Amino acid sequence: MEAAKPDGAETRLRSLFMAATHGEAGAYRQFLTELGDRLRAYFRRRLVRLPDAVEDLVQETLLAVHNQRHSYDPTAPITPWAHAIARYKLVDHLRRHGRGDALNDPLDEACEVFAAVDTEAAEARRDVGKLLAVLPDRQRLPIIHVKVEGRSVADTAQITGMSESAVKVAIHRGLKALAARLRGER
């Protein structure tokens, strides 16, 4: 039997993960973000009756992937490895909560692993990007770095060349402007 050719998602996730293993923090952050989107879609399809558990399972799985990264065989595809971790977390969660009936699909279904990206998350990122685009750089960049990317105020100050106080003020004013815009004010 001929080996299946890796799809674009497999290739991208694997290249990000391999770059991360060579010390590229940005690649690791991107890997976790993209894997998180795929995990979210995976768990949503299986936990239709337990939507509140999805985000917890995504975070638990990402943490397990991080903690088990040393066990990944670099010659193997990454999505089956991540899928095994996700499946274990799902089964473990359902056992803990006695909710085998909450599964939407059987665990052993032969489907494309992580084939669908969470479209809601992608749409939300696009909407946030459009919303932030109306702000001047001085407000937009601190919001992106601190609120979207999760960087510290000190890191953001260093990146933007602003003082920490200026970063905090810019975030406050930017968020206030966005709130006013959403309410239809000028």
N, C-alpha and C. Protein backbone atom coordinates (compact mmCIF):
# COMPACT_ATOMS: atom_id res chain seq x y z
N MET A 1 0.85 -1.19 0.00
CA MET A 1 0.00 0.00 0.00
C MET A 1 0.89 1.24 0.00
N GLU A 2 0.57 2.18 -0.85
CA GLU A 2 1.36 3.41 -0.97
C GLU A 2 1.03 4.36 0.16
N ALA A 3 2.06 5.02 0.69
CA ALA A 3 1.85 5.98 1.78
C ALA A 3 1.09 7.19 1.28
N ALA A 4 0.19 7.66 2.11
CA ALA A 4 -0.60 8.84 1.74
C ALA A 4 0.29 10.07 1.73
N LYS A 5 0.05 10.91 0.74
CA LYS A 5 0.80 12.15 0.64
C LYS A 5 0.27 13.14 1.69
N PRO A 6 1.18 13.80 2.44
CA PRO A 6 0.69 14.74 3.46
C PRO A 6 -0.07 15.89 2.82
N ASP A 7 -1.16 16.31 3.47
CA ASP A 7 -1.91 17.44 2.96
C ASP A 7 -1.25 18.74 3.41
N GLY A 8 -1.81 19.87 2.99
CA GLY A 8 -1.23 21.18 3.32
C GLY A 8 -1.19 21.45 4.81
N ALA A 9 -2.24 21.04 5.53
CA ALA A 9 -2.28 21.29 6.97
C ALA A 9 -1.21 20.48 7.68
N GLU A 10 -1.05 19.22 7.29
CA GLU A 10 -0.01 18.36 7.89
C GLU A 10 1.37 18.97 7.66
N THR A 11 1.61 19.37 6.42
CA THR A 11 2.92 19.92 6.08
C THR A 11 3.18 21.20 6.86
N ARG A 12 2.18 22.06 6.94
CA ARG A 12 2.34 23.33 7.66
C ARG A 12 2.57 23.10 9.15
N LEU A 13 1.72 22.28 9.77
CA LEU A 13 1.87 22.02 11.20
C LEU A 13 3.22 21.39 11.50
N ARG A 14 3.63 20.44 10.68
CA ARG A 14 4.90 19.77 10.91
C ARG A 14 6.07 20.74 10.76
N SER A 15 6.03 21.59 9.74
CA SER A 15 7.14 22.54 9.55
C SER A 15 7.19 23.55 10.69
N LEU A 16 6.05 24.00 11.17
CA LEU A 16 6.03 24.92 12.32
C LEU A 16 6.59 24.23 13.57
N PHE A 17 6.17 22.99 13.78
CA PHE A 17 6.64 22.26 14.96
C PHE A 17 8.15 22.02 14.88
N MET A 18 8.63 21.64 13.71
CA MET A 18 10.06 21.39 13.56
C MET A 18 10.86 22.68 13.75
N ALA A 19 10.35 23.79 13.24
CA ALA A 19 11.03 25.08 13.46
C ALA A 19 11.04 25.42 14.95
N ALA A 20 9.95 25.10 15.62
CA ALA A 20 9.86 25.36 17.06
C ALA A 20 10.87 24.53 17.83
N THR A 21 11.10 23.29 17.39
CA THR A 21 12.07 22.45 18.09
C THR A 21 13.49 22.97 17.90
N HIS A 22 13.67 23.82 16.92
CA HIS A 22 14.98 24.45 16.70
C HIS A 22 15.05 25.84 17.32
N GLY A 23 14.11 26.13 18.22
CA GLY A 23 14.18 27.35 19.00
C GLY A 23 13.42 28.55 18.49
N GLU A 24 12.62 28.41 17.46
CA GLU A 24 11.86 29.54 16.94
C GLU A 24 10.55 29.70 17.72
N ALA A 25 10.54 30.63 18.67
CA ALA A 25 9.38 30.83 19.54
C ALA A 25 8.14 31.24 18.74
N GLY A 26 8.32 32.07 17.74
CA GLY A 26 7.19 32.51 16.92
C GLY A 26 6.55 31.35 16.18
N ALA A 27 7.36 30.42 15.72
CA ALA A 27 6.84 29.24 15.02
C ALA A 27 6.05 28.37 15.99
N TYR A 28 6.52 28.27 17.23
CA TYR A 28 5.82 27.44 18.22
C TYR A 28 4.48 28.06 18.58
N ARG A 29 4.48 29.37 18.74
CA ARG A 29 3.23 30.08 19.04
C ARG A 29 2.23 29.87 17.89
N GLN A 30 2.71 29.96 16.65
CA GLN A 30 1.84 29.76 15.48
C GLN A 30 1.36 28.32 15.40
N PHE A 31 2.26 27.38 15.69
CA PHE A 31 1.88 25.96 15.71
C PHE A 31 0.74 25.71 16.70
N LEU A 32 0.89 26.24 17.92
CA LEU A 32 -0.14 26.04 18.94
C LEU A 32 -1.45 26.70 18.55
N THR A 33 -1.38 27.87 17.92
CA THR A 33 -2.60 28.56 17.47
C THR A 33 -3.33 27.74 16.41
N GLU A 34 -2.58 27.28 15.41
CA GLU A 34 -3.21 26.52 14.32
C GLU A 34 -3.69 25.16 14.79
N LEU A 35 -2.90 24.50 15.64
CA LEU A 35 -3.34 23.22 16.18
C LEU A 35 -4.58 23.43 17.06
N GLY A 36 -4.60 24.52 17.83
CA GLY A 36 -5.76 24.83 18.66
C GLY A 36 -7.03 24.98 17.84
N ASP A 37 -6.93 25.64 16.68
CA ASP A 37 -8.09 25.79 15.80
C ASP A 37 -8.61 24.43 15.34
N ARG A 38 -7.70 23.56 14.99
CA ARG A 38 -8.08 22.23 14.51
C ARG A 38 -8.65 21.37 15.65
N LEU A 39 -8.05 21.50 16.82
CA LEU A 39 -8.56 20.76 17.99
C LEU A 39 -9.96 21.22 18.34
N ARG A 40 -10.18 22.53 18.28
CA ARG A 40 -11.49 23.09 18.61
C ARG A 40 -12.56 22.50 17.68
N ALA A 41 -12.26 22.43 16.40
CA ALA A 41 -13.20 21.84 15.44
C ALA A 41 -13.40 20.35 15.73
N TYR A 42 -12.33 19.66 16.03
CA TYR A 42 -12.38 18.23 16.35
C TYR A 42 -13.29 17.97 17.55
N PHE A 43 -13.08 18.72 18.63
CA PHE A 43 -13.89 18.51 19.84
C PHE A 43 -15.34 18.97 19.65
N ARG A 44 -15.55 20.05 18.90
CA ARG A 44 -16.93 20.51 18.67
C ARG A 44 -17.75 19.48 17.93
N ARG A 45 -17.12 18.80 16.96
CA ARG A 45 -17.85 17.78 16.20
C ARG A 45 -18.23 16.60 17.09
N ARG A 46 -17.44 16.33 18.11
CA ARG A 46 -17.67 15.17 18.95
C ARG A 46 -18.45 15.47 20.22
N LEU A 47 -18.50 16.71 20.62
CA LEU A 47 -19.15 17.07 21.87
C LEU A 47 -20.30 18.05 21.64
N VAL A 48 -21.17 17.70 20.75
CA VAL A 48 -22.29 18.57 20.41
C VAL A 48 -23.13 18.87 21.64
N ARG A 49 -23.29 17.88 22.51
CA ARG A 49 -24.12 18.06 23.71
C ARG A 49 -23.36 18.65 24.89
N LEU A 50 -22.06 18.85 24.73
CA LEU A 50 -21.23 19.42 25.81
C LEU A 50 -20.36 20.55 25.27
N PRO A 51 -20.95 21.59 24.69
CA PRO A 51 -20.14 22.64 24.07
C PRO A 51 -19.24 23.37 25.06
N ASP A 52 -19.61 23.41 26.33
CA ASP A 52 -18.80 24.11 27.32
C ASP A 52 -17.49 23.39 27.61
N ALA A 53 -17.41 22.12 27.29
CA ALA A 53 -16.19 21.35 27.55
C ALA A 53 -15.14 21.52 26.46
N VAL A 54 -15.53 22.05 25.33
CA VAL A 54 -14.62 22.12 24.18
C VAL A 54 -13.36 22.92 24.50
N GLU A 55 -13.50 24.12 25.00
CA GLU A 55 -12.33 24.97 25.23
C GLU A 55 -11.41 24.38 26.29
N ASP A 56 -11.98 23.78 27.32
CA ASP A 56 -11.16 23.12 28.34
C ASP A 56 -10.34 22.00 27.73
N LEU A 57 -10.97 21.21 26.86
CA LEU A 57 -10.26 20.10 26.23
C LEU A 57 -9.19 20.59 25.27
N VAL A 58 -9.45 21.68 24.58
CA VAL A 58 -8.43 22.26 23.69
C VAL A 58 -7.21 22.64 24.51
N GLN A 59 -7.44 23.34 25.62
CA GLN A 59 -6.31 23.78 26.46
C GLN A 59 -5.58 22.59 27.08
N GLU A 60 -6.33 21.59 27.56
CA GLU A 60 -5.70 20.40 28.13
C GLU A 60 -4.85 19.68 27.08
N THR A 61 -5.35 19.60 25.86
CA THR A 61 -4.63 18.91 24.80
C THR A 61 -3.38 19.68 24.40
N LEU A 62 -3.51 21.01 24.27
CA LEU A 62 -2.33 21.80 23.92
C LEU A 62 -1.25 21.68 24.99
N LEU A 63 -1.67 21.65 26.25
CA LEU A 63 -0.71 21.48 27.34
C LEU A 63 -0.05 20.10 27.25
N ALA A 64 -0.84 19.07 26.96
CA ALA A 64 -0.29 17.72 26.82
C ALA A 64 0.66 17.64 25.63
N VAL A 65 0.32 18.28 24.52
CA VAL A 65 1.21 18.32 23.36
C VAL A 65 2.53 18.97 23.76
N HIS A 66 2.43 20.07 24.49
CA HIS A 66 3.65 20.76 24.95
C HIS A 66 4.47 19.84 25.86
N ASN A 67 3.81 19.21 26.82
CA ASN A 67 4.53 18.36 27.77
C ASN A 67 5.09 17.10 27.13
N GLN A 68 4.47 16.63 26.06
CA GLN A 68 4.90 15.39 25.40
C GLN A 68 5.68 15.64 24.11
N ARG A 69 6.05 16.89 23.84
CA ARG A 69 6.71 17.20 22.58
C ARG A 69 7.98 16.38 22.36
N HIS A 70 8.63 15.98 23.44
CA HIS A 70 9.84 15.16 23.32
C HIS A 70 9.53 13.76 22.78
N SER A 71 8.28 13.33 22.86
CA SER A 71 7.92 11.98 22.41
C SER A 71 7.59 11.93 20.91
N TYR A 72 7.54 13.08 20.26
CA TYR A 72 7.21 13.11 18.84
C TYR A 72 8.39 12.59 18.01
N ASP A 73 8.11 11.68 17.10
CA ASP A 73 9.11 11.13 16.19
C ASP A 73 9.17 12.03 14.96
N PRO A 74 10.27 12.77 14.76
CA PRO A 74 10.34 13.73 13.65
C PRO A 74 10.23 13.11 12.26
N THR A 75 10.32 11.80 12.15
CA THR A 75 10.17 11.16 10.83
C THR A 75 8.72 10.82 10.53
N ALA A 76 7.84 11.00 11.51
CA ALA A 76 6.43 10.64 11.35
C ALA A 76 5.57 11.88 11.16
N PRO A 77 4.37 11.71 10.58
CA PRO A 77 3.44 12.84 10.48
C PRO A 77 3.04 13.32 11.88
N ILE A 78 2.75 14.60 12.00
CA ILE A 78 2.44 15.16 13.32
C ILE A 78 0.96 15.06 13.67
N THR A 79 0.07 15.11 12.68
CA THR A 79 -1.36 15.11 13.02
C THR A 79 -1.83 13.81 13.67
N PRO A 80 -1.36 12.63 13.27
CA PRO A 80 -1.79 11.42 14.00
C PRO A 80 -1.30 11.42 15.45
N TRP A 81 -0.10 11.93 15.66
CA TRP A 81 0.44 12.04 17.01
C TRP A 81 -0.43 12.97 17.87
N ALA A 82 -0.76 14.14 17.32
CA ALA A 82 -1.60 15.10 18.04
C ALA A 82 -3.02 14.53 18.21
N HIS A 83 -3.51 13.81 17.20
CA HIS A 83 -4.84 13.20 17.28
C HIS A 83 -4.90 12.19 18.41
N ALA A 84 -3.85 11.40 18.57
CA ALA A 84 -3.82 10.41 19.65
C ALA A 84 -3.91 11.09 21.01
N ILE A 85 -3.22 12.19 21.16
CA ILE A 85 -3.27 12.94 22.42
C ILE A 85 -4.68 13.51 22.63
N ALA A 86 -5.25 14.09 21.57
CA ALA A 86 -6.60 14.66 21.66
C ALA A 86 -7.63 13.58 21.99
N ARG A 87 -7.51 12.45 21.35
CA ARG A 87 -8.45 11.36 21.58
C ARG A 87 -8.36 10.87 23.03
N TYR A 88 -7.15 10.75 23.53
CA TYR A 88 -6.95 10.33 24.92
C TYR A 88 -7.60 11.35 25.86
N LYS A 89 -7.41 12.64 25.61
CA LYS A 89 -8.00 13.68 26.46
C LYS A 89 -9.52 13.63 26.40
N LEU A 90 -10.07 13.37 25.22
CA LEU A 90 -11.52 13.27 25.07
C LEU A 90 -12.07 12.09 25.86
N VAL A 91 -11.47 10.93 25.67
CA VAL A 91 -11.93 9.73 26.39
C VAL A 91 -11.80 9.94 27.89
N ASP A 92 -10.68 10.48 28.32
CA ASP A 92 -10.45 10.73 29.74
C ASP A 92 -11.52 11.68 30.30
N HIS A 93 -11.83 12.74 29.56
CA HIS A 93 -12.85 13.70 29.99
C HIS A 93 -14.22 13.01 30.12
N LEU A 94 -14.57 12.22 29.13
CA LEU A 94 -15.87 11.56 29.14
C LEU A 94 -15.95 10.54 30.27
N ARG A 95 -14.87 9.85 30.55
CA ARG A 95 -14.86 8.90 31.67
C ARG A 95 -15.02 9.63 33.00
N ARG A 96 -14.30 10.74 33.15
CA ARG A 96 -14.38 11.51 34.40
C ARG A 96 -15.79 12.01 34.65
N HIS A 97 -16.48 12.38 33.59
CA HIS A 97 -17.81 12.98 33.73
C HIS A 97 -18.94 12.01 33.41
N GLY A 98 -18.59 10.74 33.14
CA GLY A 98 -19.63 9.74 32.88
C GLY A 98 -20.53 10.13 31.74
N ARG A 99 -19.96 10.65 30.67
CA ARG A 99 -20.79 11.18 29.58
C ARG A 99 -20.48 10.54 28.23
N GLY A 100 -20.44 9.25 28.15
CA GLY A 100 -20.24 8.59 26.87
C GLY A 100 -21.33 8.92 25.88
N ASP A 101 -22.52 9.28 26.37
CA ASP A 101 -23.63 9.62 25.50
C ASP A 101 -23.45 10.98 24.82
N ALA A 102 -22.46 11.76 25.26
CA ALA A 102 -22.27 13.10 24.72
C ALA A 102 -21.55 13.11 23.39
N LEU A 103 -21.00 11.99 23.00
CA LEU A 103 -20.27 11.95 21.74
C LEU A 103 -21.22 12.08 20.56
N ASN A 104 -20.82 12.90 19.59
CA ASN A 104 -21.60 13.06 18.37
C ASN A 104 -21.26 11.95 17.38
N ASP A 105 -19.97 11.62 17.25
CA ASP A 105 -19.50 10.60 16.33
C ASP A 105 -18.74 9.55 17.10
N PRO A 106 -18.68 8.33 16.60
CA PRO A 106 -17.87 7.31 17.25
C PRO A 106 -16.40 7.73 17.26
N LEU A 107 -15.68 7.31 18.29
CA LEU A 107 -14.27 7.66 18.39
C LEU A 107 -13.44 7.06 17.28
N ASP A 108 -13.82 5.92 16.78
CA ASP A 108 -13.00 5.22 15.81
C ASP A 108 -13.37 5.53 14.37
N GLU A 109 -14.09 6.60 14.12
CA GLU A 109 -14.48 6.90 12.76
C GLU A 109 -13.26 7.14 11.90
N ALA A 110 -13.34 6.72 10.66
CA ALA A 110 -12.21 6.89 9.74
C ALA A 110 -12.42 8.18 8.96
N CYS A 111 -12.03 9.28 9.57
CA CYS A 111 -12.19 10.56 8.90
C CYS A 111 -10.83 11.25 8.82
N GLU A 112 -10.77 12.27 8.05
CA GLU A 112 -9.54 13.05 7.93
C GLU A 112 -9.28 13.72 9.27
N VAL A 113 -8.11 13.46 9.83
CA VAL A 113 -7.77 13.99 11.14
C VAL A 113 -7.57 15.50 11.05
N PHE A 114 -8.31 16.21 11.86
CA PHE A 114 -8.22 17.66 11.93
C PHE A 114 -8.40 18.31 10.56
N ALA A 115 -9.26 17.75 9.73
CA ALA A 115 -9.42 18.27 8.38
C ALA A 115 -10.04 19.65 8.37
N ALA A 116 -10.95 19.91 9.29
CA ALA A 116 -11.65 21.18 9.29
C ALA A 116 -11.04 22.13 10.31
N VAL A 117 -10.82 23.33 9.89
CA VAL A 117 -10.37 24.37 10.80
C VAL A 117 -11.62 24.99 11.40
N ASP A 118 -11.53 25.43 12.62
CA ASP A 118 -12.67 26.04 13.27
C ASP A 118 -13.00 27.34 12.55
N THR A 119 -14.07 27.34 11.77
CA THR A 119 -14.41 28.52 10.97
C THR A 119 -14.84 29.69 11.84
N GLU A 120 -15.46 29.40 12.98
CA GLU A 120 -15.87 30.50 13.86
C GLU A 120 -14.65 31.28 14.35
N ALA A 121 -13.60 30.59 14.73
CA ALA A 121 -12.39 31.26 15.20
C ALA A 121 -11.75 32.05 14.07
N ALA A 122 -11.71 31.49 12.87
CA ALA A 122 -11.14 32.19 11.74
C ALA A 122 -11.94 33.45 11.40
N GLU A 123 -13.26 33.33 11.45
CA GLU A 123 -14.11 34.49 11.18
C GLU A 123 -13.95 35.55 12.27
N ALA A 124 -13.83 35.11 13.51
CA ALA A 124 -13.65 36.06 14.61
C ALA A 124 -12.33 36.82 14.45
N ARG A 125 -11.26 36.10 14.08
CA ARG A 125 -9.96 36.77 13.86
C ARG A 125 -10.06 37.80 12.74
N ARG A 126 -10.78 37.42 11.67
CA ARG A 126 -10.95 38.35 10.55
C ARG A 126 -11.72 39.59 11.00
N ASP A 127 -12.79 39.40 11.77
CA ASP A 127 -13.59 40.51 12.25
C ASP A 127 -12.79 41.42 13.18
N VAL A 128 -12.03 40.82 14.07
CA VAL A 128 -11.20 41.61 14.98
C VAL A 128 -10.18 42.40 14.18
N GLY A 129 -9.59 41.76 13.17
CA GLY A 129 -8.62 42.46 12.31
C GLY A 129 -9.24 43.67 11.62
N LYS A 130 -10.45 43.50 11.10
CA LYS A 130 -11.14 44.62 10.45
C LYS A 130 -11.44 45.74 11.45
N LEU A 131 -11.87 45.36 12.62
CA LEU A 131 -12.21 46.33 13.65
C LEU A 131 -10.96 47.11 14.08
N LEU A 132 -9.87 46.39 14.30
CA LEU A 132 -8.63 47.04 14.74
C LEU A 132 -8.02 47.92 13.65
N ALA A 133 -8.30 47.62 12.40
CA ALA A 133 -7.71 48.36 11.29
C ALA A 133 -8.12 49.83 11.30
N VAL A 134 -9.22 50.18 11.96
CA VAL A 134 -9.66 51.58 11.98
C VAL A 134 -8.86 52.42 12.98
N LEU A 135 -8.13 51.76 13.87
CA LEU A 135 -7.36 52.49 14.88
C LEU A 135 -6.00 52.92 14.33
N PRO A 136 -5.49 54.03 14.86
CA PRO A 136 -4.13 54.40 14.48
C PRO A 136 -3.13 53.38 15.06
N ASP A 137 -1.96 53.24 14.41
CA ASP A 137 -0.95 52.28 14.85
C ASP A 137 -0.62 52.40 16.33
N ARG A 138 -0.58 53.62 16.83
CA ARG A 138 -0.20 53.85 18.22
C ARG A 138 -1.16 53.16 19.20
N GLN A 139 -2.41 52.96 18.81
CA GLN A 139 -3.38 52.25 19.65
C GLN A 139 -3.53 50.79 19.20
N ARG A 140 -3.53 50.59 17.89
CA ARG A 140 -3.76 49.24 17.34
C ARG A 140 -2.65 48.26 17.72
N LEU A 141 -1.40 48.65 17.56
CA LEU A 141 -0.29 47.73 17.83
C LEU A 141 -0.23 47.27 19.29
N PRO A 142 -0.36 48.16 20.28
CA PRO A 142 -0.38 47.66 21.66
C PRO A 142 -1.55 46.71 21.94
N ILE A 143 -2.72 46.97 21.35
CA ILE A 143 -3.85 46.07 21.55
C ILE A 143 -3.54 44.70 20.96
N ILE A 144 -3.00 44.68 19.75
CA ILE A 144 -2.66 43.41 19.11
C ILE A 144 -1.64 42.64 19.94
N HIS A 145 -0.56 43.33 20.34
CA HIS A 145 0.50 42.64 21.07
C HIS A 145 0.04 42.14 22.44
N VAL A 146 -0.68 42.96 23.19
CA VAL A 146 -1.06 42.59 24.56
C VAL A 146 -2.33 41.76 24.58
N LYS A 147 -3.38 42.22 23.94
CA LYS A 147 -4.69 41.58 24.06
C LYS A 147 -4.89 40.39 23.11
N VAL A 148 -4.32 40.47 21.91
CA VAL A 148 -4.51 39.39 20.94
C VAL A 148 -3.41 38.34 21.05
N GLU A 149 -2.15 38.79 21.06
CA GLU A 149 -1.02 37.86 21.11
C GLU A 149 -0.66 37.41 22.51
N GLY A 150 -1.12 38.16 23.53
CA GLY A 150 -0.85 37.77 24.91
C GLY A 150 0.53 38.16 25.42
N ARG A 151 1.16 39.12 24.78
CA ARG A 151 2.47 39.57 25.24
C ARG A 151 2.31 40.45 26.48
N SER A 152 3.38 40.63 27.19
CA SER A 152 3.35 41.49 28.37
C SER A 152 3.42 42.96 27.94
N VAL A 153 3.04 43.83 28.85
CA VAL A 153 3.14 45.27 28.59
C VAL A 153 4.60 45.65 28.38
N ALA A 154 5.49 45.06 29.18
CA ALA A 154 6.93 45.37 29.05
C ALA A 154 7.45 44.95 27.67
N ASP A 155 7.09 43.76 27.21
CA ASP A 155 7.51 43.31 25.87
C ASP A 155 6.97 44.24 24.79
N THR A 156 5.71 44.61 24.94
CA THR A 156 5.07 45.48 23.95
C THR A 156 5.74 46.84 23.93
N ALA A 157 6.09 47.36 25.10
CA ALA A 157 6.80 48.64 25.16
C ALA A 157 8.11 48.56 24.41
N GLN A 158 8.82 47.46 24.58
CA GLN A 158 10.10 47.29 23.89
C GLN A 158 9.91 47.17 22.38
N ILE A 159 8.91 46.41 21.96
CA ILE A 159 8.65 46.21 20.53
C ILE A 159 8.24 47.52 19.85
N THR A 160 7.36 48.28 20.52
CA THR A 160 6.80 49.49 19.89
C THR A 160 7.63 50.74 20.14
N GLY A 161 8.56 50.65 21.10
CA GLY A 161 9.36 51.84 21.43
C GLY A 161 8.61 52.83 22.30
N MET A 162 7.50 52.37 22.88
CA MET A 162 6.71 53.22 23.77
C MET A 162 7.07 52.88 25.21
N SER A 163 6.73 53.77 26.13
CA SER A 163 6.92 53.46 27.55
C SER A 163 5.79 52.51 27.97
N GLU A 164 5.98 51.83 29.09
CA GLU A 164 4.94 50.92 29.57
C GLU A 164 3.66 51.68 29.87
N SER A 165 3.79 52.87 30.44
CA SER A 165 2.60 53.69 30.73
C SER A 165 1.88 54.07 29.44
N ALA A 166 2.65 54.43 28.42
CA ALA A 166 2.05 54.80 27.14
C ALA A 166 1.33 53.62 26.50
N VAL A 167 1.89 52.42 26.66
CA VAL A 167 1.24 51.22 26.13
C VAL A 167 -0.11 51.01 26.82
N LYS A 168 -0.13 51.14 28.15
CA LYS A 168 -1.37 50.96 28.90
C LYS A 168 -2.42 51.99 28.50
N VAL A 169 -1.99 53.24 28.35
CA VAL A 169 -2.91 54.31 27.95
C VAL A 169 -3.43 54.06 26.54
N ALA A 170 -2.54 53.65 25.63
CA ALA A 170 -2.94 53.39 24.25
C ALA A 170 -3.97 52.26 24.19
N ILE A 171 -3.75 51.22 24.96
CA ILE A 171 -4.70 50.11 24.99
C ILE A 171 -6.05 50.59 25.51
N HIS A 172 -6.03 51.33 26.60
CA HIS A 172 -7.27 51.84 27.19
C HIS A 172 -8.02 52.72 26.19
N ARG A 173 -7.32 53.65 25.59
CA ARG A 173 -7.97 54.57 24.64
C ARG A 173 -8.44 53.84 23.39
N GLY A 174 -7.65 52.90 22.91
CA GLY A 174 -8.03 52.13 21.73
C GLY A 174 -9.28 51.30 21.97
N LEU A 175 -9.31 50.62 23.11
CA LEU A 175 -10.49 49.81 23.44
C LEU A 175 -11.73 50.68 23.66
N LYS A 176 -11.52 51.84 24.25
CA LYS A 176 -12.63 52.78 24.45
C LYS A 176 -13.16 53.25 23.10
N ALA A 177 -12.26 53.56 22.17
CA ALA A 177 -12.67 53.99 20.84
C ALA A 177 -13.42 52.88 20.10
N LEU A 178 -12.95 51.66 20.24
CA LEU A 178 -13.63 50.52 19.59
C LEU A 178 -15.01 50.30 20.18
N ALA A 179 -15.11 50.40 21.50
CA ALA A 179 -16.42 50.24 22.15
C ALA A 179 -17.40 51.30 21.67
N ALA A 180 -16.92 52.53 21.56
CA ALA A 180 -17.78 53.62 21.08
C ALA A 180 -18.20 53.37 19.65
N ARG A 181 -17.28 52.88 18.85
CA ARG A 181 -17.59 52.59 17.44
C ARG A 181 -18.64 51.48 17.34
N LEU A 182 -18.52 50.48 18.17
CA LEU A 182 -19.49 49.38 18.15
C LEU A 182 -20.87 49.83 18.61
N ARG A 183 -20.91 50.83 19.50
CA ARG A 183 -22.19 51.36 19.95
C ARG A 183 -22.76 52.36 18.94
N GLY A 184 -21.98 52.68 17.91
CA GLY A 184 -22.45 53.61 16.89
C GLY A 184 -22.15 55.05 17.20
N GLU A 185 -21.29 55.29 18.19
CA GLU A 185 -20.91 56.66 18.53
C GLU A 185 -19.72 57.08 17.69
N ARG A 186 -19.43 58.33 17.71
CA ARG A 186 -18.26 58.86 17.00
C ARG A 186 -17.14 59.11 17.96
